Amino acid sequence: MIVVATDDFELYHDVVDELRDRGVTFTTQEPGEGLPDRTRVVIRAPEDRVETPADVETVVADADGARRAVEEVVSILRGGGGRTVVGVDPGTRPGIAVLKGDTVVAAFQVPLADAVETVRREVEDEPDPVVRIGDGARLQGSQLVNDLDDVAVELVDETGTTPYLGTGARGMGDVLAAVNIARLPGEEVSSREIEPTAGELQRIKNRSREASADGRTIDEGLARRVAAGELTVREALEAHRERGAGADEADEGDEQ
């Protein structure tokens, strides 16, 4: 049984919401009360005083760490921990899956620009975490590998990791692929350099035209910087626009 025993109002509500979202059975009580029989885990705030027998686990958290605390509790109830592994199916909106041992404890699909921050948040304070990135989307995957320079990263052959999606499962493919990637050992890498192909550069140019309100298309030099992760498409468009404005001002000066 899980017992939430805290006087911290915010922690109480955040933890209870997380437990309910997962369909987990729990009970609540005041910190000073005796624990019910069959208690396995207690969740409390740092300032709460709860006496626990030797066979009862305690998870201490504040409101900002409510989700992580519940993940730890669920892991304890299922037999305990294991290494934290983050699987990433790269792309313009990478799928991200967080596993502790064999249990999926969190999943995300975020814009590429937010992926590194999401991964770093999930491995923060974890002992010996590893991030496994699929090798399919070369440019986006390389950007993630290079930006995660402070985390152990493995590059995984993602062949066959995207499952068949039946009725009602549309949109889940990248996240499910990330789960499968997390479960496959890969080759440890610290960086990945990729020379973009002509087709990849053209796709970036096409994306810039689609993103531009005035039908502007960035040049190959800016497209290469986008491919390398130095600029986003919008930043490249702004640079292209500023460059054009500078050229117009120079032409006006010559006419005078």
C-alpha atoms as a PDB file:
ATOM      1  CA  MET A   1       0.000   0.000   0.000  1.00  0.00           C
ATOM      2  CA  ILE A   2       1.120   3.561  -0.734  1.00  0.00           C
ATOM      3  CA  VAL A   3       0.586   6.159   1.992  1.00  0.00           C
ATOM      4  CA  VAL A   4       0.760   9.899   1.322  1.00  0.00           C
ATOM      5  CA  ALA A   5       1.596  11.476   4.690  1.00  0.00           C
ATOM      6  CA  THR A   6       2.343  15.169   4.401  1.00  0.00           C
ATOM      7  CA  ASP A   7       1.284  18.575   5.698  1.00  0.00           C
ATOM      8  CA  ASP A   8       2.585  20.177   2.486  1.00  0.00           C
ATOM      9  CA  PHE A   9      -0.658  21.167   0.738  1.00  0.00           C
ATOM     10  CA  GLU A  10       0.896  21.585  -2.722  1.00  0.00           C
ATOM     11  CA  LEU A  11       2.850  18.326  -2.565  1.00  0.00           C
ATOM     12  CA  TYR A  12      -0.255  16.493  -1.339  1.00  0.00           C
ATOM     13  CA  HIS A  13      -2.398  17.578  -4.274  1.00  0.00           C
ATOM     14  CA  ASP A  14       0.297  17.097  -6.919  1.00  0.00           C
ATOM     15  CA  VAL A  15       1.150  13.584  -5.678  1.00  0.00           C
ATOM     16  CA  VAL A  16      -2.498  12.572  -5.377  1.00  0.00           C
ATOM     17  CA  ASP A  17      -3.184  13.792  -8.932  1.00  0.00           C
ATOM     18  CA  GLU A  18      -0.192  11.828 -10.253  1.00  0.00           C
ATOM     19  CA  LEU A  19      -1.273   8.654  -8.445  1.00  0.00           C
ATOM     20  CA  ARG A  20      -4.835   8.975  -9.718  1.00  0.00           C
ATOM     21  CA  ASP A  21      -3.635   9.552 -13.283  1.00  0.00           C
ATOM     22  CA  ARG A  22      -1.774   6.234 -13.072  1.00  0.00           C
ATOM     23  CA  GLY A  23      -4.682   4.365 -11.516  1.00  0.00           C
ATOM     24  CA  VAL A  24      -2.603   3.509  -8.439  1.00  0.00           C
ATOM     25  CA  THR A  25      -4.325   2.606  -5.142  1.00  0.00           C
ATOM     26  CA  PHE A  26      -3.205   4.719  -2.176  1.00  0.00           C
ATOM     27  CA  THR A  27      -4.361   6.222   1.093  1.00  0.00           C
ATOM     28  CA  THR A  28      -3.623   9.512   2.852  1.00  0.00           C
ATOM     29  CA  GLN A  29      -3.101  10.490   6.475  1.00  0.00           C
ATOM     30  CA  GLU A  30      -1.535  13.038   8.785  1.00  0.00           C
ATOM     31  CA  PRO A  31       2.254  12.661   9.288  1.00  0.00           C
ATOM     32  CA  GLY A  32       1.953  11.901  13.012  1.00  0.00           C
ATOM     33  CA  GLU A  33      -0.530   9.046  12.700  1.00  0.00           C
ATOM     34  CA  GLY A  34       0.439   5.387  12.828  1.00  0.00           C
ATOM     35  CA  LEU A  35       0.824   3.714   9.444  1.00  0.00           C
ATOM     36  CA  PRO A  36      -1.796   1.210   8.284  1.00  0.00           C
ATOM     37  CA  ASP A  37      -0.991  -2.483   8.032  1.00  0.00           C
ATOM     38  CA  ARG A  38       0.482  -3.562   4.670  1.00  0.00           C
ATOM     39  CA  THR A  39       2.114  -0.155   4.085  1.00  0.00           C
ATOM     40  CA  ARG A  40       4.926  -0.569   1.555  1.00  0.00           C
ATOM     41  CA  VAL A  41       5.900   3.014   0.724  1.00  0.00           C
ATOM     42  CA  VAL A  42       5.385   6.422   2.334  1.00  0.00           C
ATOM     43  CA  ILE A  43       5.572   9.703   0.429  1.00  0.00           C
ATOM     44  CA  ARG A  44       6.331  12.767   2.542  1.00  0.00           C
ATOM     45  CA  ALA A  45       7.895  16.232   2.377  1.00  0.00           C
ATOM     46  CA  PRO A  46      11.348  16.900   3.885  1.00  0.00           C
ATOM     47  CA  GLU A  47       9.853  18.663   6.912  1.00  0.00           C
ATOM     48  CA  ASP A  48       7.259  15.958   7.684  1.00  0.00           C
ATOM     49  CA  ARG A  49       8.024  13.611  10.574  1.00  0.00           C
ATOM     50  CA  VAL A  50       6.795  10.105   9.854  1.00  0.00           C
ATOM     51  CA  GLU A  51       7.958   7.056  11.801  1.00  0.00           C
ATOM     52  CA  THR A  52       8.365   4.064   9.490  1.00  0.00           C
ATOM     53  CA  PRO A  53       9.237   0.423  10.248  1.00  0.00           C
ATOM     54  CA  ALA A  54      12.379  -1.027   8.710  1.00  0.00           C
ATOM     55  CA  ASP A  55      10.405  -2.821   5.982  1.00  0.00           C
ATOM     56  CA  VAL A  56       8.656   0.376   4.752  1.00  0.00           C
ATOM     57  CA  GLU A  57      10.327   2.519   2.081  1.00  0.00           C
ATOM     58  CA  THR A  58      10.212   6.329   2.297  1.00  0.00           C
ATOM     59  CA  VAL A  59      10.194   8.697  -0.678  1.00  0.00           C
ATOM     60  CA  VAL A  60      10.889  12.329   0.216  1.00  0.00           C
ATOM     61  CA  ALA A  61       9.848  15.015  -2.269  1.00  0.00           C
ATOM     62  CA  ASP A  62       8.701  18.586  -2.713  1.00  0.00           C
ATOM     63  CA  ALA A  63       5.927  19.768  -5.022  1.00  0.00           C
ATOM     64  CA  ASP A  64       8.297  20.309  -7.956  1.00  0.00           C
ATOM     65  CA  GLY A  65       9.343  16.663  -7.747  1.00  0.00           C
ATOM     66  CA  ALA A  66       5.898  15.092  -7.401  1.00  0.00           C
ATOM     67  CA  ARG A  67       5.985  13.195 -10.694  1.00  0.00           C
ATOM     68  CA  ARG A  68       9.482  11.837 -10.091  1.00  0.00           C
ATOM     69  CA  ALA A  69       8.456  10.777  -6.575  1.00  0.00           C
ATOM     70  CA  VAL A  70       5.484   8.819  -7.886  1.00  0.00           C
ATOM     71  CA  GLU A  71       7.674   7.186 -10.540  1.00  0.00           C
ATOM     72  CA  GLU A  72      10.053   6.080  -7.784  1.00  0.00           C
ATOM     73  CA  VAL A  73       7.173   4.691  -5.728  1.00  0.00           C
ATOM     74  CA  VAL A  74       5.774   2.720  -8.665  1.00  0.00           C
ATOM     75  CA  SER A  75       9.258   1.367  -9.378  1.00  0.00           C
ATOM     76  CA  ILE A  76       9.618   0.213  -5.749  1.00  0.00           C
ATOM     77  CA  LEU A  77       6.261  -1.567  -5.852  1.00  0.00           C
ATOM     78  CA  ARG A  78       7.227  -3.356  -9.069  1.00  0.00           C
ATOM     79  CA  GLY A  79      10.403  -4.791  -7.683  1.00  0.00           C
ATOM     80  CA  GLY A  80      12.807  -1.930  -7.630  1.00  0.00           C
ATOM     81  CA  GLY A  81      14.586   0.402  -9.902  1.00  0.00           C
ATOM     82  CA  GLY A  82      17.141  -0.513 -12.435  1.00  0.00           C
ATOM     83  CA  ARG A  83      19.140   1.868 -14.593  1.00  0.00           C
ATOM     84  CA  THR A  84      17.394   4.926 -16.026  1.00  0.00           C
ATOM     85  CA  VAL A  85      17.429   4.719 -19.828  1.00  0.00           C
ATOM     86  CA  VAL A  86      16.017   7.392 -22.137  1.00  0.00           C
ATOM     87  CA  GLY A  87      15.141   6.307 -25.660  1.00  0.00           C
ATOM     88  CA  VAL A  88      14.838   8.935 -28.411  1.00  0.00           C
ATOM     89  CA  ASP A  89      13.330   8.476 -31.849  1.00  0.00           C
ATOM     90  CA  PRO A  90      14.808  11.563 -33.565  1.00  0.00           C
ATOM     91  CA  GLY A  91      12.979  13.801 -36.015  1.00  0.00           C
ATOM     92  CA  THR A  92      11.443  17.257 -36.131  1.00  0.00           C
ATOM     93  CA  ARG A  93       9.256  16.172 -33.157  1.00  0.00           C
ATOM     94  CA  PRO A  94      11.242  13.417 -31.419  1.00  0.00           C
ATOM     95  CA  GLY A  95       9.526  10.701 -29.438  1.00  0.00           C
ATOM     96  CA  ILE A  96      11.109  10.309 -25.992  1.00  0.00           C
ATOM     97  CA  ALA A  97      10.573   7.413 -23.571  1.00  0.00           C
ATOM     98  CA  VAL A  98      12.007   7.122 -20.040  1.00  0.00           C
ATOM     99  CA  LEU A  99      12.513   3.630 -18.622  1.00  0.00           C
ATOM    100  CA  LYS A 100      13.583   2.512 -15.164  1.00  0.00           C
ATOM    101  CA  GLY A 101      14.545  -1.089 -15.548  1.00  0.00           C
ATOM    102  CA  ASP A 102      11.822  -2.589 -17.750  1.00  0.00           C
ATOM    103  CA  THR A 103       9.164  -0.079 -16.702  1.00  0.00           C
ATOM    104  CA  VAL A 104       8.208   2.913 -18.857  1.00  0.00           C
ATOM    105  CA  VAL A 105       7.797   5.750 -16.367  1.00  0.00           C
ATOM    106  CA  ALA A 106       7.360   8.717 -18.724  1.00  0.00           C
ATOM    107  CA  ALA A 107       6.884   9.506 -22.401  1.00  0.00           C
ATOM    108  CA  PHE A 108       6.991  12.724 -24.435  1.00  0.00           C
ATOM    109  CA  GLN A 109       6.806  14.052 -27.965  1.00  0.00           C
ATOM    110  CA  VAL A 110       8.233  17.543 -28.222  1.00  0.00           C
ATOM    111  CA  PRO A 111       9.635  19.920 -30.853  1.00  0.00           C
ATOM    112  CA  LEU A 112      13.290  19.236 -31.653  1.00  0.00           C
ATOM    113  CA  ALA A 113      14.287  22.517 -29.991  1.00  0.00           C
ATOM    114  CA  ASP A 114      12.887  21.250 -26.651  1.00  0.00           C
ATOM    115  CA  ALA A 115      14.217  17.682 -26.827  1.00  0.00           C
ATOM    116  CA  VAL A 116      17.616  18.222 -25.177  1.00  0.00           C
ATOM    117  CA  GLU A 117      16.092  20.111 -22.237  1.00  0.00           C
ATOM    118  CA  THR A 118      13.479  17.359 -21.813  1.00  0.00           C
ATOM    119  CA  VAL A 119      16.117  14.610 -21.791  1.00  0.00           C
ATOM    120  CA  ARG A 120      18.380  16.494 -19.384  1.00  0.00           C
ATOM    121  CA  ARG A 121      15.488  17.051 -16.989  1.00  0.00           C
ATOM    122  CA  GLU A 122      14.669  13.338 -16.970  1.00  0.00           C
ATOM    123  CA  VAL A 123      18.240  12.176 -16.243  1.00  0.00           C
ATOM    124  CA  GLU A 124      19.038  14.896 -13.698  1.00  0.00           C
ATOM    125  CA  ASP A 125      20.262  13.399 -10.401  1.00  0.00           C
ATOM    126  CA  GLU A 126      19.885   9.841 -11.756  1.00  0.00           C
ATOM    127  CA  PRO A 127      22.816   7.484 -11.081  1.00  0.00           C
ATOM    128  CA  ASP A 128      24.528   6.297 -14.282  1.00  0.00           C
ATOM    129  CA  PRO A 129      21.764   7.164 -16.805  1.00  0.00           C
ATOM    130  CA  VAL A 130      22.136   6.474 -20.524  1.00  0.00           C
ATOM    131  CA  VAL A 131      20.435   8.081 -23.526  1.00  0.00           C
ATOM    132  CA  ARG A 132      19.866   5.858 -26.569  1.00  0.00           C
ATOM    133  CA  ILE A 133      19.205   7.703 -29.831  1.00  0.00           C
ATOM    134  CA  GLY A 134      17.998   6.056 -33.018  1.00  0.00           C
ATOM    135  CA  ASP A 135      20.181   6.431 -36.102  1.00  0.00           C
ATOM    136  CA  GLY A 136      17.335   7.048 -38.564  1.00  0.00           C
ATOM    137  CA  ALA A 137      16.927  10.836 -38.858  1.00  0.00           C
ATOM    138  CA  ARG A 138      20.580  11.657 -39.423  1.00  0.00           C
ATOM    139  CA  LEU A 139      20.571  15.435 -39.097  1.00  0.00           C
ATOM    140  CA  GLN A 140      18.259  15.703 -36.088  1.00  0.00           C
ATOM    141  CA  GLY A 141      19.889  12.714 -34.397  1.00  0.00           C
ATOM    142  CA  SER A 142      23.355  14.192 -34.852  1.00  0.00           C
ATOM    143  CA  GLN A 143      22.192  17.476 -33.357  1.00  0.00           C
ATOM    144  CA  LEU A 144      20.889  15.651 -30.277  1.00  0.00           C
ATOM    145  CA  VAL A 145      24.082  13.597 -29.882  1.00  0.00           C
ATOM    146  CA  ASN A 146      26.256  16.705 -30.096  1.00  0.00           C
ATOM    147  CA  ASP A 147      24.097  18.769 -27.712  1.00  0.00           C
ATOM    148  CA  LEU A 148      23.969  16.009 -25.060  1.00  0.00           C
ATOM    149  CA  ASP A 149      27.712  16.242 -24.464  1.00  0.00           C
ATOM    150  CA  ASP A 150      27.380  15.845 -20.690  1.00  0.00           C
ATOM    151  CA  VAL A 151      25.363  12.597 -20.768  1.00  0.00           C
ATOM    152  CA  ALA A 152      26.297   9.024 -21.739  1.00  0.00           C
ATOM    153  CA  VAL A 153      24.840   8.556 -25.241  1.00  0.00           C
ATOM    154  CA  GLU A 154      24.510   5.427 -27.382  1.00  0.00           C
ATOM    155  CA  LEU A 155      23.596   5.390 -31.065  1.00  0.00           C
ATOM    156  CA  VAL A 156      21.126   2.586 -31.805  1.00  0.00           C
ATOM    157  CA  ASP A 157      20.218   0.841 -35.055  1.00  0.00           C
ATOM    158  CA  GLU A 158      16.515   1.697 -35.128  1.00  0.00           C
ATOM    159  CA  THR A 159      15.582  -0.740 -37.893  1.00  0.00           C
ATOM    160  CA  GLY A 160      12.241  -2.303 -37.019  1.00  0.00           C
ATOM    161  CA  THR A 161      11.621  -0.202 -33.908  1.00  0.00           C
ATOM    162  CA  THR A 162       8.467   1.513 -35.214  1.00  0.00           C
ATOM    163  CA  PRO A 163       5.538  -0.853 -34.603  1.00  0.00           C
ATOM    164  CA  TYR A 164       2.413  -1.356 -36.658  1.00  0.00           C
ATOM    165  CA  LEU A 165      -0.232   1.087 -35.460  1.00  0.00           C
ATOM    166  CA  GLY A 166      -3.800  -0.195 -35.359  1.00  0.00           C
ATOM    167  CA  THR A 167      -7.032   1.756 -35.150  1.00  0.00           C
ATOM    168  CA  GLY A 168      -6.881   4.631 -32.682  1.00  0.00           C
ATOM    169  CA  ALA A 169      -3.100   4.502 -32.269  1.00  0.00           C
ATOM    170  CA  ARG A 170      -2.199   7.158 -34.832  1.00  0.00           C
ATOM    171  CA  GLY A 171       0.379   9.602 -33.501  1.00  0.00           C
ATOM    172  CA  MET A 172       1.909   7.116 -31.057  1.00  0.00           C
ATOM    173  CA  GLY A 173       4.480   5.657 -33.430  1.00  0.00           C
ATOM    174  CA  ASP A 174       7.424   7.901 -32.495  1.00  0.00           C
ATOM    175  CA  VAL A 175       6.925   7.363 -28.761  1.00  0.00           C
ATOM    176  CA  LEU A 176       6.557   3.588 -29.132  1.00  0.00           C
ATOM    177  CA  ALA A 177       9.662   3.540 -31.315  1.00  0.00           C
ATOM    178  CA  ALA A 178      11.483   5.452 -28.552  1.00  0.00           C
ATOM    179  CA  VAL A 179      10.501   2.716 -26.060  1.00  0.00           C
ATOM    180  CA  ASN A 180      11.949   0.051 -28.360  1.00  0.00           C
ATOM    181  CA  ILE A 181      15.102   2.121 -28.944  1.00  0.00           C
ATOM    182  CA  ALA A 182      15.596   2.448 -25.177  1.00  0.00           C
ATOM    183  CA  ARG A 183      15.604  -1.357 -24.879  1.00  0.00           C
ATOM    184  CA  LEU A 184      18.320  -1.879 -27.522  1.00  0.00           C
ATOM    185  CA  PRO A 185      22.016  -1.525 -26.659  1.00  0.00           C
ATOM    186  CA  GLY A 186      23.907   0.727 -29.043  1.00  0.00           C
ATOM    187  CA  GLU A 187      27.353   2.095 -29.792  1.00  0.00           C
ATOM    188  CA  GLU A 188      28.615   4.672 -27.319  1.00  0.00           C
ATOM    189  CA  VAL A 189      29.303   8.007 -29.036  1.00  0.00           C
ATOM    190  CA  SER A 190      30.402  11.445 -27.883  1.00  0.00           C
ATOM    191  CA  SER A 191      29.731  13.327 -31.135  1.00  0.00           C
ATOM    192  CA  ARG A 192      28.437  12.717 -34.624  1.00  0.00           C
ATOM    193  CA  GLU A 193      29.383  14.687 -37.701  1.00  0.00           C
ATOM    194  CA  ILE A 194      27.144  14.359 -40.752  1.00  0.00           C
ATOM    195  CA  GLU A 195      27.584  16.063 -44.111  1.00  0.00           C
ATOM    196  CA  PRO A 196      24.053  16.906 -45.288  1.00  0.00           C
ATOM    197  CA  THR A 197      23.076  15.605 -48.700  1.00  0.00           C
ATOM    198  CA  ALA A 198      21.716  17.834 -51.460  1.00  0.00           C
ATOM    199  CA  GLY A 199      18.260  16.413 -50.821  1.00  0.00           C
ATOM    200  CA  GLU A 200      18.440  17.168 -47.094  1.00  0.00           C
ATOM    201  CA  LEU A 201      19.534  20.743 -47.768  1.00  0.00           C
ATOM    202  CA  GLN A 202      16.678  21.171 -50.248  1.00  0.00           C
ATOM    203  CA  ARG A 203      14.187  19.922 -47.659  1.00  0.00           C
ATOM    204  CA  ILE A 204      15.480  22.527 -45.183  1.00  0.00           C
ATOM    205  CA  LYS A 205      15.089  25.232 -47.850  1.00  0.00           C
ATOM    206  CA  ASN A 206      11.556  24.033 -48.525  1.00  0.00           C
ATOM    207  CA  ARG A 207      10.770  24.183 -44.808  1.00  0.00           C
ATOM    208  CA  SER A 208      12.052  27.772 -44.701  1.00  0.00           C
ATOM    209  CA  ARG A 209       9.764  28.773 -47.586  1.00  0.00           C
ATOM    210  CA  GLU A 210       6.775  27.130 -45.865  1.00  0.00           C
ATOM    211  CA  ALA A 211       7.594  28.865 -42.564  1.00  0.00           C
ATOM    212  CA  SER A 212       8.054  32.287 -44.143  1.00  0.00           C
ATOM    213  CA  ALA A 213       5.118  34.667 -44.413  1.00  0.00           C
ATOM    214  CA  ASP A 214       6.581  36.237 -47.559  1.00  0.00           C
ATOM    215  CA  GLY A 215       7.629  33.039 -49.367  1.00  0.00           C
ATOM    216  CA  ARG A 216      11.297  33.627 -48.578  1.00  0.00           C
ATOM    217  CA  THR A 217      13.747  30.723 -49.097  1.00  0.00           C
ATOM    218  CA  ILE A 218      17.087  30.625 -47.292  1.00  0.00           C
ATOM    219  CA  ASP A 219      20.296  29.998 -49.220  1.00  0.00           C
ATOM    220  CA  GLU A 220      22.505  26.900 -49.024  1.00  0.00           C
ATOM    221  CA  GLY A 221      24.918  28.424 -46.506  1.00  0.00           C
ATOM    222  CA  LEU A 222      22.142  29.092 -44.017  1.00  0.00           C
ATOM    223  CA  ALA A 223      20.599  25.695 -44.773  1.00  0.00           C
ATOM    224  CA  ARG A 224      23.908  24.059 -43.816  1.00  0.00           C
ATOM    225  CA  ARG A 225      23.916  25.949 -40.523  1.00  0.00           C
ATOM    226  CA  VAL A 226      20.384  24.733 -39.833  1.00  0.00           C
ATOM    227  CA  ALA A 227      21.486  21.171 -40.663  1.00  0.00           C
ATOM    228  CA  ALA A 228      24.375  21.505 -38.194  1.00  0.00           C
ATOM    229  CA  GLY A 229      22.032  22.704 -35.449  1.00  0.00           C
ATOM    230  CA  GLU A 230      23.598  26.162 -35.288  1.00  0.00           C
ATOM    231  CA  LEU A 231      20.351  27.880 -36.276  1.00  0.00           C
ATOM    232  CA  THR A 232      16.672  27.079 -36.260  1.00  0.00           C
ATOM    233  CA  VAL A 233      14.744  27.599 -39.500  1.00  0.00           C
ATOM    234  CA  ARG A 234      13.183  30.766 -38.082  1.00  0.00           C
ATOM    235  CA  GLU A 235      16.591  32.124 -37.031  1.00  0.00           C
ATOM    236  CA  ALA A 236      17.938  31.373 -40.511  1.00  0.00           C
ATOM    237  CA  LEU A 237      14.996  33.216 -42.077  1.00  0.00           C
ATOM    238  CA  GLU A 238      15.670  36.230 -39.859  1.00  0.00           C
ATOM    239  CA  ALA A 239      19.357  36.193 -40.839  1.00  0.00           C
ATOM    240  CA  HIS A 240      18.384  35.968 -44.508  1.00  0.00           C
ATOM    241  CA  ARG A 241      15.921  38.837 -44.075  1.00  0.00           C
ATOM    242  CA  GLU A 242      18.512  41.027 -42.324  1.00  0.00           C
ATOM    243  CA  ARG A 243      21.074  40.238 -45.004  1.00  0.00           C
ATOM    244  CA  GLY A 244      18.586  41.333 -47.669  1.00  0.00           C
ATOM    245  CA  ALA A 245      17.804  44.541 -45.818  1.00  0.00           C
ATOM    246  CA  GLY A 246      21.517  45.311 -45.575  1.00  0.00           C
ATOM    247  CA  ALA A 247      21.932  44.801 -49.309  1.00  0.00           C
ATOM    248  CA  ASP A 248      18.994  47.137 -50.020  1.00  0.00           C
ATOM    249  CA  GLU A 249      20.546  49.871 -47.825  1.00  0.00           C
ATOM    250  CA  ALA A 250      23.867  49.492 -49.627  1.00  0.00           C
ATOM    251  CA  ASP A 251      22.136  49.866 -53.018  1.00  0.00           C
ATOM    252  CA  GLU A 252      20.417  53.039 -51.821  1.00  0.00           C
ATOM    253  CA  GLY A 253      23.779  54.447 -50.699  1.00  0.00           C
ATOM    254  CA  ASP A 254      25.319  53.752 -54.118  1.00  0.00           C
ATOM    255  CA  GLU A 255      22.486  55.578 -55.854  1.00  0.00           C
ATOM    256  CA  GLN A 256      23.123  58.697 -53.764  1.00  0.00           C
END
